[in-house]
Amino acid sequence: MLANWILGSLAILSCGLALWQWLAALRFPLHRRVTDKKFQPAITLLKPLKGADSETKRCLQSWFSQDYEAPLQILFGVADDDDSVCELVRQLCSENPKIDAKLIICPESFGPNAKVSTLIQLEREVKHEIVVISDADVFVPKDFLENAVHPLADGEIGLVNCFYRLANPTTLAMHWEAVAINADFWSQVLQSQTLKRLDFALGAVMVTRRDCLKQIGGFESLVDFLADDYQLGNKIAHTGKQIVISSIVVECWEAPMTWARVWAHQLRWARTIRVCQPAPFFFSILSNATLWPAFWTVALLANHNSYWFVPISILLPVRIQAALKMQEALTRDSGHYLYFWLVPIKDLLNAAIWALAFVGNKIDWRGETFRVLPGGKLSKNL
């Protein structure tokens, strides 16, 4: 009886937390555009690159196609001149001669985070006060810059970041990850923001000032960390500046991924969050609105209770519907409704990943194996 009561309480709590997450997401003005476009400072975009796939050119071209009146400098950084992406970048620079764009070979290594090593070398060439850092696989709408830079008109704002969606889930494994990214991740960030000010950044696109970078010690202060985006936002927040989320949503385009690759990605993400925010990560299992109703159902069945159907018939549909609606809000599409059955599967798989996040500190990243140390630093000493 006591076990039934405890599991029932946890099941109801998990659905309550899912509902809170949904309400926090509903309040956020996703996709809203600014009307006052007077603030358009000169911008330098930093693009660390490694390799290319079928979507790389389209994603990079979206930055050349911005409707932005002020000067725009684009710096592409590649560690190796033999990288396949180099020819693509040179072609784009040639096709867009009006844009101040440049490919820079960045062979120096300053620490285990190769991306940050590239950013350190790109920083030397920055011309403008406003600095944008973006991942290679990000596609942005034409009005992205004028909207994303707008909050920096307020001097108290130190960094602007934005939500992103997995735009092309081409395999079943990627549809699983799409539930995690397009439904849960962004709404969980907003849920967290109802409790405290944002003190981290989301890495798809980040907009900040050169003086903010200088105040935290530049990119050099991030080179030993795995989650450089988290650390960048956290360090800027600790200077007293605010971190805000733009209402603009960008797209991340990925090459097709297998179950093994998605699993490795999710496990790396989980272990990163665990070392960066150990307490919130530990308690995050309470919001798993499939796991606890499932446990409650099993307990009721074991006791031959005639009310075993309650968690299945009421609580689980609430979770599925909330996830579908949050995905639709972010993506402005309904194609994911066909994969509604992946929502509970994703929750159960994530429970396993949550548990494994505490078992070890090894992660696979950029083709190398690292150990994540307390605080989020990387080590190759396995």
Protein backbone atom coordinates (compact mmCIF):
# COMPACT_ATOMS: atom_id res chain seq x y z
CA MET A 1 0.00 0.00 0.00
CA LEU A 2 2.81 2.42 0.89
CA ALA A 3 4.59 1.68 -2.38
CA ASN A 4 1.37 2.37 -4.31
CA TRP A 5 0.97 5.68 -2.50
CA ILE A 6 4.58 6.75 -3.15
CA LEU A 7 4.53 5.76 -6.83
CA GLY A 8 1.13 7.37 -7.31
CA SER A 9 2.42 10.61 -5.80
CA LEU A 10 5.47 10.54 -8.05
CA ALA A 11 3.30 9.85 -11.11
CA ILE A 12 1.02 12.80 -10.35
CA LEU A 13 4.03 15.00 -9.54
CA SER A 14 5.69 14.13 -12.86
CA CYS A 15 2.58 15.08 -14.81
CA GLY A 16 2.26 18.28 -12.77
CA LEU A 17 5.84 19.20 -13.67
CA ALA A 18 5.10 18.39 -17.34
CA LEU A 19 2.08 20.69 -17.20
CA TRP A 20 4.17 23.46 -15.61
CA GLN A 21 6.73 23.00 -18.41
CA TRP A 22 3.96 23.27 -21.02
CA LEU A 23 2.55 26.46 -19.46
CA ALA A 24 6.00 28.06 -19.31
CA ALA A 25 6.42 27.30 -23.02
CA LEU A 26 3.01 28.73 -23.90
CA ARG A 27 3.91 32.07 -22.31
CA PHE A 28 7.05 32.57 -24.38
CA PRO A 29 6.61 34.69 -27.57
CA LEU A 30 8.13 32.19 -30.02
CA HIS A 31 8.76 33.47 -33.57
CA ARG A 32 7.77 37.07 -32.69
CA ARG A 33 9.64 39.69 -34.75
CA VAL A 34 10.86 43.09 -33.58
CA THR A 35 9.18 46.19 -35.00
CA ASP A 36 11.83 48.75 -34.00
CA LYS A 37 14.80 48.15 -36.31
CA LYS A 38 16.82 51.26 -35.47
CA PHE A 39 19.49 49.35 -33.53
CA GLN A 40 21.64 47.69 -36.18
CA PRO A 41 25.30 47.78 -35.08
CA ALA A 42 28.16 46.34 -37.09
CA ILE A 43 28.57 42.62 -36.46
CA THR A 44 31.32 40.01 -36.72
CA LEU A 45 30.18 36.42 -37.16
CA LEU A 46 32.52 33.62 -36.04
CA LYS A 47 31.98 30.24 -37.73
CA PRO A 48 34.25 27.38 -36.60
CA LEU A 49 33.95 24.56 -39.14
CA LYS A 50 35.01 20.96 -39.53
CA GLY A 51 33.93 18.89 -42.51
CA ALA A 52 30.90 19.34 -44.74
CA ASP A 53 27.75 17.46 -45.65
CA SER A 54 24.88 17.95 -48.10
CA GLU A 55 23.33 20.76 -46.03
CA THR A 56 26.46 22.73 -45.15
CA LYS A 57 26.39 25.07 -48.15
CA ARG A 58 22.73 25.96 -47.63
CA CYS A 59 23.31 26.64 -43.93
CA LEU A 60 26.34 28.85 -44.55
CA GLN A 61 24.62 30.69 -47.41
CA SER A 62 21.81 31.72 -45.05
CA TRP A 63 24.31 33.98 -43.24
CA PHE A 64 25.36 35.64 -46.50
CA SER A 65 21.68 36.32 -47.29
CA GLN A 66 20.83 38.39 -44.21
CA ASP A 67 18.63 41.47 -44.60
CA TYR A 68 20.92 43.60 -42.47
CA GLU A 69 21.97 47.16 -43.27
CA ALA A 70 25.01 47.55 -41.02
CA PRO A 71 28.46 46.10 -41.88
CA LEU A 72 28.75 42.34 -41.47
CA GLN A 73 32.07 40.51 -41.19
CA ILE A 74 32.07 36.70 -41.46
CA LEU A 75 35.09 34.75 -40.29
CA PHE A 76 35.22 31.03 -41.07
CA GLY A 77 37.75 29.02 -39.09
CA VAL A 78 39.11 25.60 -40.12
CA ALA A 79 41.90 23.71 -38.38
CA ASP A 80 43.23 22.04 -41.52
CA ASP A 81 43.60 23.49 -45.02
CA ASP A 82 42.81 20.02 -46.43
CA ASP A 83 39.37 20.01 -44.83
CA SER A 84 36.64 19.46 -47.43
CA VAL A 85 34.73 22.50 -46.20
CA CYS A 86 37.50 24.90 -47.32
CA GLU A 87 36.63 24.77 -51.01
CA LEU A 88 32.95 25.30 -50.18
CA VAL A 89 33.74 28.39 -48.10
CA ARG A 90 35.98 29.85 -50.79
CA GLN A 91 33.19 29.32 -53.32
CA LEU A 92 30.64 31.11 -51.11
CA CYS A 93 33.02 34.03 -50.53
CA SER A 94 33.53 34.33 -54.26
CA GLU A 95 29.78 34.23 -54.93
CA ASN A 96 29.10 36.93 -52.33
CA PRO A 97 31.80 39.57 -52.95
CA LYS A 98 29.87 42.36 -51.16
CA ILE A 99 30.18 40.54 -47.84
CA ASP A 100 33.38 40.96 -45.83
CA ALA A 101 34.02 37.21 -45.50
CA LYS A 102 37.26 35.36 -44.94
CA LEU A 103 38.49 31.80 -44.48
CA ILE A 104 41.14 31.49 -41.77
CA ILE A 105 43.21 28.36 -41.21
CA CYS A 106 43.50 27.83 -37.44
CA PRO A 107 46.09 25.08 -36.82
CA GLU A 108 47.00 25.99 -33.24
CA SER A 109 45.63 23.93 -30.33
CA PHE A 110 45.25 25.65 -26.97
CA GLY A 111 43.40 22.89 -25.12
CA PRO A 112 41.11 19.89 -25.49
CA ASN A 113 38.20 21.86 -26.98
CA ALA A 114 39.15 22.15 -30.66
CA LYS A 115 36.21 24.42 -31.49
CA VAL A 116 37.31 26.96 -28.86
CA SER A 117 40.89 26.77 -30.13
CA THR A 118 39.52 27.87 -33.50
CA LEU A 119 37.51 30.68 -31.88
CA ILE A 120 40.63 31.97 -30.11
CA GLN A 121 42.38 32.34 -33.46
CA LEU A 122 39.34 33.89 -35.14
CA GLU A 123 39.01 36.44 -32.34
CA ARG A 124 42.27 38.06 -33.45
CA GLU A 125 40.60 39.13 -36.72
CA VAL A 126 37.38 40.56 -35.24
CA LYS A 127 36.62 44.09 -36.46
CA HIS A 128 33.30 44.93 -34.79
CA GLU A 129 31.97 45.29 -31.25
CA ILE A 130 29.07 42.83 -31.60
CA VAL A 131 30.22 39.21 -31.95
CA VAL A 132 28.03 36.31 -33.06
CA ILE A 133 29.18 32.71 -32.53
CA SER A 134 27.35 30.00 -34.46
CA ASP A 135 27.65 26.28 -35.06
CA ALA A 136 28.29 25.04 -38.60
CA ASP A 137 24.96 23.25 -39.08
CA VAL A 138 22.72 26.23 -38.29
CA PHE A 139 20.34 27.69 -40.87
CA VAL A 140 18.90 31.12 -40.05
CA PRO A 141 16.02 33.15 -41.55
CA LYS A 142 16.86 36.32 -43.50
CA ASP A 143 15.81 38.59 -40.63
CA PHE A 144 17.73 36.73 -37.95
CA LEU A 145 20.47 39.27 -37.24
CA GLU A 146 18.19 42.31 -36.94
CA ASN A 147 16.04 40.40 -34.46
CA ALA A 148 18.75 38.61 -32.48
CA VAL A 149 20.87 41.73 -31.93
CA HIS A 150 17.93 43.88 -30.80
CA PRO A 151 18.09 43.04 -27.03
CA LEU A 152 21.70 44.28 -26.90
CA ALA A 153 20.38 47.83 -27.26
CA ASP A 154 19.95 47.48 -23.50
CA GLY A 155 23.38 47.79 -21.91
CA GLU A 156 22.40 45.41 -19.11
CA ILE A 157 22.07 42.54 -21.58
CA GLY A 158 25.35 40.67 -21.98
CA LEU A 159 24.37 37.79 -24.24
CA VAL A 160 21.47 36.82 -26.48
CA ASN A 161 20.89 33.23 -27.51
CA CYS A 162 18.01 31.43 -29.18
CA PHE A 163 16.20 28.16 -29.34
CA TYR A 164 16.92 25.73 -32.13
CA ARG A 165 15.03 22.87 -33.70
CA LEU A 166 16.21 19.65 -35.28
CA ALA A 167 14.93 20.42 -38.77
CA ASN A 168 15.49 17.15 -40.61
CA PRO A 169 14.90 14.01 -38.55
CA THR A 170 15.49 11.53 -41.39
CA THR A 171 15.80 8.33 -39.33
CA LEU A 172 13.68 6.84 -36.55
CA ALA A 173 16.51 7.49 -34.09
CA MET A 174 16.52 11.17 -35.08
CA HIS A 175 12.75 11.35 -34.55
CA TRP A 176 13.45 10.16 -31.01
CA GLU A 177 16.01 12.93 -30.59
CA ALA A 178 13.55 15.40 -32.12
CA VAL A 179 11.21 14.77 -29.18
CA ALA A 180 14.09 15.58 -26.81
CA ILE A 181 15.08 18.76 -28.67
CA ASN A 182 11.92 20.08 -30.32
CA ALA A 183 9.53 19.30 -27.46
CA ASP A 184 11.39 19.02 -24.18
CA PHE A 185 14.68 20.90 -24.19
CA TRP A 186 13.48 24.42 -24.98
CA SER A 187 10.44 24.15 -22.71
CA GLN A 188 12.62 22.85 -19.85
CA VAL A 189 14.87 25.90 -20.24
CA LEU A 190 11.82 28.16 -19.93
CA GLN A 191 10.59 26.16 -16.94
CA SER A 192 13.97 26.71 -15.28
CA GLN A 193 13.76 30.41 -16.09
CA THR A 194 10.57 30.71 -14.01
CA LEU A 195 12.67 29.87 -10.95
CA LYS A 196 15.83 31.91 -11.59
CA ARG A 197 17.55 34.15 -14.10
CA LEU A 198 19.23 32.38 -16.98
CA ASP A 199 22.91 31.77 -16.18
CA PHE A 200 23.99 29.74 -19.21
CA ALA A 201 23.81 29.95 -23.00
CA LEU A 202 22.53 27.70 -25.78
CA GLY A 203 25.23 27.11 -28.33
CA ALA A 204 23.51 27.10 -31.74
CA VAL A 205 23.82 30.90 -31.99
CA MET A 206 25.09 33.32 -29.34
CA VAL A 207 25.30 37.11 -29.67
CA THR A 208 27.48 39.11 -27.30
CA ARG A 209 29.88 42.07 -27.10
CA ARG A 210 33.66 42.12 -27.38
CA ASP A 211 33.93 43.85 -24.00
CA CYS A 212 31.92 41.04 -22.40
CA LEU A 213 34.32 38.50 -23.91
CA LYS A 214 37.28 40.53 -22.69
CA GLN A 215 35.81 40.75 -19.19
CA ILE A 216 35.65 36.95 -18.84
CA GLY A 217 39.13 36.40 -20.24
CA GLY A 218 38.19 35.81 -23.87
CA PHE A 219 37.69 32.41 -25.45
CA GLU A 220 40.88 31.25 -23.73
CA SER A 221 38.84 30.88 -20.53
CA LEU A 222 36.64 28.26 -22.23
CA VAL A 223 39.19 26.05 -23.99
CA ASP A 224 39.37 23.37 -21.28
CA PHE A 225 35.60 22.85 -21.10
CA LEU A 226 33.28 20.58 -23.05
CA ALA A 227 30.16 22.80 -22.83
CA ASP A 228 31.79 26.03 -24.01
CA ASP A 229 28.36 27.55 -24.71
CA TYR A 230 27.19 26.86 -21.15
CA GLN A 231 30.43 28.27 -19.73
CA LEU A 232 30.32 31.38 -21.91
CA GLY A 233 26.83 32.26 -20.69
CA ASN A 234 27.65 31.33 -17.10
CA LYS A 235 30.78 33.49 -16.99
CA ILE A 236 28.99 36.48 -18.54
CA ALA A 237 26.10 36.06 -16.09
CA HIS A 238 28.58 36.14 -13.21
CA THR A 239 29.77 39.58 -14.35
CA GLY A 240 26.26 40.88 -13.57
CA LYS A 241 25.03 41.01 -17.16
CA GLN A 242 21.74 39.37 -18.15
CA ILE A 243 21.34 36.41 -20.50
CA VAL A 244 18.19 36.57 -22.63
CA ILE A 245 16.55 34.31 -25.19
CA SER A 246 15.51 35.72 -28.54
CA SER A 247 12.08 34.77 -29.84
CA ILE A 248 13.68 33.75 -33.16
CA VAL A 249 14.12 30.01 -33.71
CA VAL A 250 16.96 28.69 -35.87
CA GLU A 251 17.27 25.33 -37.57
CA CYS A 252 19.93 22.65 -37.09
CA TRP A 253 20.42 20.33 -40.08
CA GLU A 254 22.13 17.05 -39.31
CA ALA A 255 23.38 14.20 -41.47
CA PRO A 256 21.38 10.98 -40.97
CA MET A 257 22.22 9.40 -37.60
CA THR A 258 21.88 5.83 -36.38
CA TRP A 259 20.55 4.75 -32.99
CA ALA A 260 24.13 4.31 -31.77
CA ARG A 261 25.11 7.87 -32.73
CA VAL A 262 21.98 9.40 -31.22
CA TRP A 263 22.49 7.37 -28.05
CA ALA A 264 26.11 8.55 -27.78
CA HIS A 265 25.00 12.14 -28.38
CA GLN A 266 22.29 11.99 -25.71
CA LEU A 267 24.65 10.34 -23.22
CA ARG A 268 27.31 12.99 -23.84
CA TRP A 269 24.70 15.68 -23.34
CA ALA A 270 23.45 14.06 -20.11
CA ARG A 271 26.94 13.69 -18.62
CA THR A 272 27.72 17.28 -19.55
CA ILE A 273 24.61 18.60 -17.81
CA ARG A 274 25.29 16.40 -14.79
CA VAL A 275 28.73 17.89 -14.20
CA CYS A 276 27.59 21.46 -14.95
CA GLN A 277 24.36 21.40 -12.92
CA PRO A 278 24.47 18.30 -10.69
CA ALA A 279 21.49 19.04 -8.42
CA PRO A 280 19.01 20.07 -11.15
CA PHE A 281 20.08 17.09 -13.25
CA PHE A 282 19.63 14.66 -10.35
CA PHE A 283 16.08 15.88 -9.65
CA SER A 284 15.17 16.05 -13.35
CA ILE A 285 14.13 12.37 -13.20
CA LEU A 286 11.07 13.50 -11.21
CA SER A 287 9.65 15.16 -14.35
CA ASN A 288 9.69 11.93 -16.37
CA ALA A 289 5.93 11.72 -16.99
CA THR A 290 6.07 8.23 -18.54
CA LEU A 291 8.41 6.47 -16.11
CA TRP A 292 6.47 7.12 -12.89
CA PRO A 293 2.98 6.40 -14.27
CA ALA A 294 4.45 3.17 -15.71
CA PHE A 295 5.88 2.18 -12.30
CA TRP A 296 2.57 3.03 -10.65
CA THR A 297 0.69 0.88 -13.14
CA VAL A 298 3.00 -2.09 -12.54
CA ALA A 299 2.53 -1.73 -8.78
CA LEU A 300 -1.25 -1.62 -9.10
CA LEU A 301 -1.25 -4.68 -11.34
CA ALA A 302 0.96 -6.55 -8.89
CA ASN A 303 -1.60 -5.87 -6.16
CA HIS A 304 -4.50 -6.90 -8.43
CA ASN A 305 -5.92 -3.39 -8.10
CA SER A 306 -8.87 -2.70 -10.38
CA TYR A 307 -7.75 0.92 -10.84
CA TRP A 308 -4.51 0.04 -12.63
CA PHE A 309 -5.79 1.68 -15.84
CA VAL A 310 -5.79 5.21 -14.34
CA PRO A 311 -2.10 6.05 -15.01
CA ILE A 312 -2.36 4.71 -18.55
CA SER A 313 -5.68 6.23 -19.57
CA ILE A 314 -5.22 9.69 -18.02
CA LEU A 315 -1.62 10.60 -17.19
CA LEU A 316 0.18 9.20 -20.23
CA PRO A 317 -2.09 10.93 -22.80
CA VAL A 318 -1.47 14.22 -20.98
CA ARG A 319 2.27 13.77 -21.44
CA ILE A 320 1.97 12.80 -25.10
CA GLN A 321 -0.36 15.68 -25.94
CA ALA A 322 1.87 18.22 -24.19
CA ALA A 323 4.95 16.98 -26.05
CA LEU A 324 3.19 17.11 -29.42
CA LYS A 325 1.93 20.63 -28.80
CA MET A 326 5.34 21.89 -27.71
CA GLN A 327 6.94 20.40 -30.81
CA GLU A 328 4.32 22.05 -32.98
CA ALA A 329 4.88 25.42 -31.29
CA LEU A 330 8.62 25.30 -31.96
CA THR A 331 8.60 23.83 -35.47
CA ARG A 332 5.29 25.29 -36.73
CA ASP A 333 4.67 21.89 -38.30
CA SER A 334 2.53 18.86 -37.46
CA GLY A 335 4.39 16.06 -39.25
CA HIS A 336 5.70 14.77 -35.93
CA TYR A 337 2.18 13.75 -34.87
CA LEU A 338 2.76 10.50 -36.80
CA TYR A 339 5.45 9.67 -34.26
CA PHE A 340 3.37 10.32 -31.14
CA TRP A 341 4.23 6.83 -29.90
CA LEU A 342 7.90 7.82 -29.62
CA VAL A 343 7.14 10.20 -26.74
CA PRO A 344 6.85 7.48 -24.04
CA ILE A 345 9.69 5.52 -25.63
CA LYS A 346 11.87 8.61 -25.48
CA ASP A 347 11.01 9.07 -21.80
CA LEU A 348 11.94 5.49 -20.93
CA LEU A 349 15.19 5.66 -22.92
CA ASN A 350 16.05 8.95 -21.24
CA ALA A 351 15.54 7.34 -17.85
CA ALA A 352 18.25 4.84 -18.81
CA ILE A 353 20.49 7.64 -20.06
CA TRP A 354 19.91 9.57 -16.81
CA ALA A 355 21.09 6.55 -14.83
CA LEU A 356 24.11 5.94 -17.09
CA ALA A 357 25.14 9.60 -16.72
CA PHE A 358 26.12 8.77 -13.12
CA VAL A 359 27.99 5.58 -14.00
CA GLY A 360 30.96 7.05 -15.87
CA ASN A 361 32.56 10.25 -17.14
CA LYS A 362 33.71 9.12 -20.59
CA ILE A 363 32.27 10.78 -23.69
CA ASP A 364 32.87 10.52 -27.43
CA TRP A 365 33.19 13.93 -29.06
CA ARG A 366 34.47 14.98 -32.47
CA GLY A 367 35.93 11.54 -33.06
CA GLU A 368 37.89 11.46 -29.78
CA THR A 369 37.27 10.01 -26.34
CA PHE A 370 37.49 12.29 -23.30
CA ARG A 371 36.77 12.18 -19.61
CA VAL A 372 34.57 14.96 -18.21
CA LEU A 373 35.90 16.22 -14.88
CA PRO A 374 33.84 17.85 -12.11
CA GLY A 375 32.86 21.34 -13.25
CA GLY A 376 32.81 20.33 -16.92
CA LYS A 377 36.49 20.33 -17.83
CA LEU A 378 37.82 17.84 -20.38
CA SER A 379 40.69 15.43 -19.93
CA LYS A 380 42.28 12.96 -22.35
CA ASN A 381 43.75 11.07 -19.39
CA LEU A 382 41.34 8.11 -19.41
